[in-house]
Amino acid sequence: MELITRIKQAESQAKEIVEQAKVEAVKIAEQARAERNEALEKAQEKRRKAIQAAVTEAEQHTQSEVEQLAAQGRDRIEQLRGRAASRQGVCVDKVVQRLRSL
């Protein structure tokens, strides 16, 4: 009888150990899932920040280029106006001479 009692106690302890192991396995799985989700959220936030930083940098670079090209365009226009103004007098003189010769 005592042996049967011990066997039943051993079975009972084994069942408790198995149940505790199941509970611990569930807890570990939930904790791992939570840590994975947290890591994923952090990675996504880091990615969003990196994208925003890249966009901001690109906008600033583009704005700088636009301003530089606009300044170059204004300089070129002024150069052309200066050259045109210097040639204008010569052209007017030639037109006047031709008109007089007619």
N, C-alpha and C. Protein backbone atom coordinates (compact mmCIF):
# COMPACT_ATOMS: atom_id res chain seq x y z
N MET A 1 0.80 -1.20 0.00
CA MET A 1 0.00 0.00 0.00
C MET A 1 0.84 1.27 0.00
N GLU A 2 1.85 1.20 0.79
CA GLU A 2 2.70 2.37 0.88
C GLU A 2 3.35 2.68 -0.47
N LEU A 3 3.68 1.67 -1.20
CA LEU A 3 4.27 1.85 -2.53
C LEU A 3 3.28 2.51 -3.48
N ILE A 4 2.04 2.09 -3.40
CA ILE A 4 1.00 2.68 -4.26
C ILE A 4 0.82 4.15 -3.89
N THR A 5 0.84 4.44 -2.61
CA THR A 5 0.70 5.82 -2.16
C THR A 5 1.86 6.66 -2.69
N ARG A 6 3.04 6.12 -2.61
CA ARG A 6 4.22 6.84 -3.11
C ARG A 6 4.13 7.06 -4.63
N ILE A 7 3.68 6.05 -5.33
CA ILE A 7 3.53 6.16 -6.79
C ILE A 7 2.52 7.25 -7.12
N LYS A 8 1.40 7.28 -6.40
CA LYS A 8 0.37 8.29 -6.63
C LYS A 8 0.91 9.68 -6.31
N GLN A 9 1.68 9.78 -5.23
CA GLN A 9 2.28 11.07 -4.89
C GLN A 9 3.28 11.49 -5.97
N ALA A 10 4.05 10.55 -6.46
CA ALA A 10 5.01 10.84 -7.52
C ALA A 10 4.30 11.29 -8.79
N GLU A 11 3.20 10.61 -9.11
CA GLU A 11 2.40 11.02 -10.28
C GLU A 11 1.83 12.41 -10.08
N SER A 12 1.35 12.63 -8.89
CA SER A 12 0.77 13.93 -8.57
C SER A 12 1.83 15.03 -8.67
N GLN A 13 3.01 14.76 -8.15
CA GLN A 13 4.11 15.72 -8.25
C GLN A 13 4.52 15.92 -9.70
N ALA A 14 4.56 14.87 -10.46
CA ALA A 14 4.92 14.97 -11.87
C ALA A 14 3.91 15.84 -12.61
N LYS A 15 2.62 15.65 -12.32
CA LYS A 15 1.57 16.46 -12.96
C LYS A 15 1.75 17.94 -12.58
N GLU A 16 2.05 18.19 -11.30
CA GLU A 16 2.26 19.56 -10.86
C GLU A 16 3.46 20.18 -11.58
N ILE A 17 4.52 19.40 -11.67
CA ILE A 17 5.72 19.89 -12.36
C ILE A 17 5.41 20.20 -13.82
N VAL A 18 4.67 19.32 -14.48
CA VAL A 18 4.29 19.54 -15.88
C VAL A 18 3.42 20.78 -16.00
N GLU A 19 2.46 20.94 -15.10
CA GLU A 19 1.58 22.11 -15.14
C GLU A 19 2.39 23.39 -14.91
N GLN A 20 3.29 23.35 -13.94
CA GLN A 20 4.14 24.51 -13.68
C GLN A 20 5.02 24.82 -14.89
N ALA A 21 5.52 23.80 -15.52
CA ALA A 21 6.34 23.99 -16.72
C ALA A 21 5.52 24.62 -17.84
N LYS A 22 4.28 24.16 -17.98
CA LYS A 22 3.40 24.75 -19.00
C LYS A 22 3.16 26.23 -18.72
N VAL A 23 2.87 26.54 -17.44
CA VAL A 23 2.60 27.93 -17.06
C VAL A 23 3.84 28.78 -17.32
N GLU A 24 5.00 28.27 -16.94
CA GLU A 24 6.24 29.01 -17.18
C GLU A 24 6.51 29.17 -18.66
N ALA A 25 6.25 28.15 -19.44
CA ALA A 25 6.46 28.23 -20.88
C ALA A 25 5.56 29.30 -21.49
N VAL A 26 4.33 29.38 -21.03
CA VAL A 26 3.41 30.40 -21.53
C VAL A 26 3.92 31.79 -21.15
N LYS A 27 4.36 31.93 -19.89
CA LYS A 27 4.88 33.22 -19.44
C LYS A 27 6.10 33.63 -20.26
N ILE A 28 7.00 32.69 -20.47
CA ILE A 28 8.22 32.97 -21.25
C ILE A 28 7.86 33.36 -22.68
N ALA A 29 6.90 32.65 -23.26
CA ALA A 29 6.47 32.96 -24.63
C ALA A 29 5.85 34.34 -24.71
N GLU A 30 5.00 34.68 -23.72
CA GLU A 30 4.37 36.00 -23.71
C GLU A 30 5.42 37.09 -23.52
N GLN A 31 6.38 36.84 -22.65
CA GLN A 31 7.43 37.82 -22.42
C GLN A 31 8.27 38.00 -23.69
N ALA A 32 8.60 36.91 -24.35
CA ALA A 32 9.38 36.98 -25.59
C ALA A 32 8.60 37.75 -26.66
N ARG A 33 7.31 37.50 -26.75
CA ARG A 33 6.45 38.19 -27.72
C ARG A 33 6.42 39.69 -27.41
N ALA A 34 6.26 40.02 -26.13
CA ALA A 34 6.23 41.43 -25.73
C ALA A 34 7.56 42.11 -26.04
N GLU A 35 8.67 41.44 -25.75
CA GLU A 35 9.98 42.02 -26.05
C GLU A 35 10.18 42.18 -27.54
N ARG A 36 9.73 41.21 -28.31
CA ARG A 36 9.86 41.30 -29.76
C ARG A 36 9.03 42.47 -30.30
N ASN A 37 7.80 42.61 -29.79
CA ASN A 37 6.95 43.72 -30.24
C ASN A 37 7.56 45.07 -29.87
N GLU A 38 8.12 45.14 -28.67
CA GLU A 38 8.76 46.39 -28.24
C GLU A 38 9.96 46.71 -29.12
N ALA A 39 10.77 45.70 -29.41
CA ALA A 39 11.93 45.91 -30.28
C ALA A 39 11.50 46.33 -31.67
N LEU A 40 10.42 45.74 -32.16
CA LEU A 40 9.90 46.10 -33.48
C LEU A 40 9.42 47.54 -33.50
N GLU A 41 8.70 47.94 -32.45
CA GLU A 41 8.21 49.32 -32.38
C GLU A 41 9.39 50.31 -32.33
N LYS A 42 10.41 49.96 -31.55
CA LYS A 42 11.58 50.84 -31.47
C LYS A 42 12.26 50.94 -32.83
N ALA A 43 12.38 49.82 -33.52
CA ALA A 43 13.01 49.82 -34.84
C ALA A 43 12.20 50.64 -35.83
N GLN A 44 10.87 50.52 -35.76
CA GLN A 44 10.02 51.30 -36.66
C GLN A 44 10.14 52.79 -36.37
N GLU A 45 10.18 53.14 -35.09
CA GLU A 45 10.33 54.54 -34.72
C GLU A 45 11.68 55.08 -35.19
N LYS A 46 12.72 54.29 -35.03
CA LYS A 46 14.05 54.69 -35.50
C LYS A 46 14.04 54.88 -37.00
N ARG A 47 13.37 53.99 -37.70
CA ARG A 47 13.26 54.08 -39.16
C ARG A 47 12.52 55.34 -39.57
N ARG A 48 11.40 55.63 -38.88
CA ARG A 48 10.64 56.85 -39.19
C ARG A 48 11.49 58.09 -38.96
N LYS A 49 12.25 58.11 -37.88
CA LYS A 49 13.10 59.26 -37.59
C LYS A 49 14.19 59.40 -38.64
N ALA A 50 14.76 58.29 -39.08
CA ALA A 50 15.81 58.33 -40.10
C ALA A 50 15.24 58.85 -41.42
N ILE A 51 14.05 58.40 -41.76
CA ILE A 51 13.41 58.86 -43.00
C ILE A 51 13.12 60.36 -42.91
N GLN A 52 12.59 60.79 -41.76
CA GLN A 52 12.28 62.21 -41.59
C GLN A 52 13.55 63.05 -41.67
N ALA A 53 14.62 62.57 -41.06
CA ALA A 53 15.89 63.30 -41.11
C ALA A 53 16.40 63.38 -42.55
N ALA A 54 16.28 62.29 -43.29
CA ALA A 54 16.73 62.28 -44.69
C ALA A 54 15.90 63.24 -45.54
N VAL A 55 14.60 63.25 -45.30
CA VAL A 55 13.72 64.15 -46.05
C VAL A 55 14.05 65.60 -45.74
N THR A 56 14.26 65.89 -44.46
CA THR A 56 14.60 67.26 -44.06
C THR A 56 15.91 67.69 -44.69
N GLU A 57 16.90 66.80 -44.65
CA GLU A 57 18.20 67.12 -45.24
C GLU A 57 18.06 67.34 -46.75
N ALA A 58 17.28 66.50 -47.40
CA ALA A 58 17.08 66.65 -48.85
C ALA A 58 16.38 67.97 -49.17
N GLU A 59 15.40 68.33 -48.37
CA GLU A 59 14.69 69.59 -48.59
C GLU A 59 15.65 70.78 -48.44
N GLN A 60 16.48 70.73 -47.42
CA GLN A 60 17.43 71.81 -47.20
C GLN A 60 18.44 71.88 -48.35
N HIS A 61 18.92 70.72 -48.76
CA HIS A 61 19.89 70.68 -49.86
C HIS A 61 19.25 71.21 -51.14
N THR A 62 18.02 70.79 -51.40
CA THR A 62 17.31 71.24 -52.60
C THR A 62 17.09 72.74 -52.56
N GLN A 63 16.67 73.25 -51.40
CA GLN A 63 16.45 74.69 -51.27
C GLN A 63 17.74 75.46 -51.52
N SER A 64 18.83 74.94 -51.01
CA SER A 64 20.13 75.57 -51.22
C SER A 64 20.48 75.58 -52.70
N GLU A 65 20.26 74.47 -53.37
CA GLU A 65 20.55 74.41 -54.81
C GLU A 65 19.66 75.37 -55.59
N VAL A 66 18.39 75.44 -55.22
CA VAL A 66 17.47 76.35 -55.91
C VAL A 66 17.95 77.79 -55.76
N GLU A 67 18.33 78.16 -54.54
CA GLU A 67 18.81 79.52 -54.31
C GLU A 67 20.09 79.79 -55.10
N GLN A 68 20.96 78.80 -55.15
CA GLN A 68 22.21 78.96 -55.89
C GLN A 68 21.95 79.11 -57.39
N LEU A 69 21.06 78.28 -57.92
CA LEU A 69 20.74 78.37 -59.35
C LEU A 69 20.04 79.68 -59.68
N ALA A 70 19.17 80.14 -58.78
CA ALA A 70 18.50 81.42 -59.00
C ALA A 70 19.52 82.55 -59.02
N ALA A 71 20.47 82.51 -58.11
CA ALA A 71 21.51 83.54 -58.08
C ALA A 71 22.36 83.49 -59.35
N GLN A 72 22.70 82.30 -59.80
CA GLN A 72 23.47 82.18 -61.05
C GLN A 72 22.67 82.72 -62.22
N GLY A 73 21.37 82.42 -62.23
CA GLY A 73 20.51 82.93 -63.30
C GLY A 73 20.46 84.45 -63.30
N ARG A 74 20.32 85.03 -62.12
CA ARG A 74 20.29 86.50 -62.03
C ARG A 74 21.62 87.11 -62.49
N ASP A 75 22.73 86.46 -62.09
CA ASP A 75 24.05 86.96 -62.53
C ASP A 75 24.17 86.88 -64.04
N ARG A 76 23.73 85.78 -64.62
CA ARG A 76 23.81 85.60 -66.08
C ARG A 76 22.96 86.64 -66.80
N ILE A 77 21.77 86.89 -66.27
CA ILE A 77 20.89 87.90 -66.87
C ILE A 77 21.56 89.27 -66.82
N GLU A 78 22.17 89.60 -65.70
CA GLU A 78 22.85 90.90 -65.58
C GLU A 78 24.03 90.99 -66.55
N GLN A 79 24.77 89.88 -66.71
CA GLN A 79 25.88 89.89 -67.67
C GLN A 79 25.36 90.13 -69.08
N LEU A 80 24.27 89.44 -69.44
CA LEU A 80 23.70 89.61 -70.78
C LEU A 80 23.17 91.03 -70.98
N ARG A 81 22.55 91.59 -69.95
CA ARG A 81 22.05 92.95 -70.06
C ARG A 81 23.21 93.93 -70.24
N GLY A 82 24.29 93.69 -69.51
CA GLY A 82 25.47 94.56 -69.63
C GLY A 82 26.06 94.48 -71.02
N ARG A 83 26.19 93.26 -71.55
CA ARG A 83 26.72 93.11 -72.91
C ARG A 83 25.78 93.73 -73.93
N ALA A 84 24.48 93.54 -73.72
CA ALA A 84 23.51 94.11 -74.66
C ALA A 84 23.54 95.63 -74.61
N ALA A 85 23.67 96.18 -73.42
CA ALA A 85 23.69 97.64 -73.28
C ALA A 85 24.93 98.22 -73.95
N SER A 86 26.06 97.52 -73.82
CA SER A 86 27.28 98.05 -74.45
C SER A 86 27.19 97.96 -75.97
N ARG A 87 26.51 97.00 -76.50
CA ARG A 87 26.38 96.84 -77.96
C ARG A 87 25.24 97.69 -78.52
N GLN A 88 24.34 98.10 -77.64
CA GLN A 88 23.17 98.83 -78.09
C GLN A 88 23.56 100.13 -78.79
N GLY A 89 24.49 100.85 -78.21
CA GLY A 89 24.91 102.13 -78.81
C GLY A 89 25.51 101.92 -80.19
N VAL A 90 26.34 100.91 -80.35
CA VAL A 90 26.97 100.64 -81.64
C VAL A 90 25.89 100.28 -82.68
N CYS A 91 24.94 99.46 -82.28
CA CYS A 91 23.87 99.06 -83.20
C CYS A 91 23.02 100.25 -83.62
N VAL A 92 22.70 101.09 -82.66
CA VAL A 92 21.89 102.28 -82.98
C VAL A 92 22.64 103.17 -83.96
N ASP A 93 23.94 103.35 -83.75
CA ASP A 93 24.75 104.16 -84.66
C ASP A 93 24.73 103.57 -86.08
N LYS A 94 24.87 102.24 -86.17
CA LYS A 94 24.86 101.59 -87.48
C LYS A 94 23.51 101.77 -88.17
N VAL A 95 22.43 101.63 -87.43
CA VAL A 95 21.09 101.80 -88.00
C VAL A 95 20.91 103.24 -88.47
N VAL A 96 21.32 104.19 -87.68
CA VAL A 96 21.18 105.60 -88.03
C VAL A 96 21.99 105.89 -89.28
N GLN A 97 23.23 105.39 -89.39
CA GLN A 97 24.07 105.60 -90.57
C GLN A 97 23.43 105.00 -91.81
N ARG A 98 22.86 103.84 -91.67
CA ARG A 98 22.23 103.22 -92.84
C ARG A 98 20.98 103.99 -93.27
N LEU A 99 20.25 104.47 -92.27
CA LEU A 99 19.07 105.24 -92.62
C LEU A 99 19.47 106.56 -93.32
N ARG A 100 20.55 107.14 -92.89
CA ARG A 100 21.01 108.39 -93.51
C ARG A 100 21.53 108.13 -94.92
N SER A 101 22.10 106.95 -95.10
CA SER A 101 22.65 106.66 -96.42
C SER A 101 21.54 106.33 -97.44
N LEU A 102 20.38 106.09 -96.98
CA LEU A 102 19.28 105.80 -97.89
C LEU A 102 18.71 107.03 -98.43
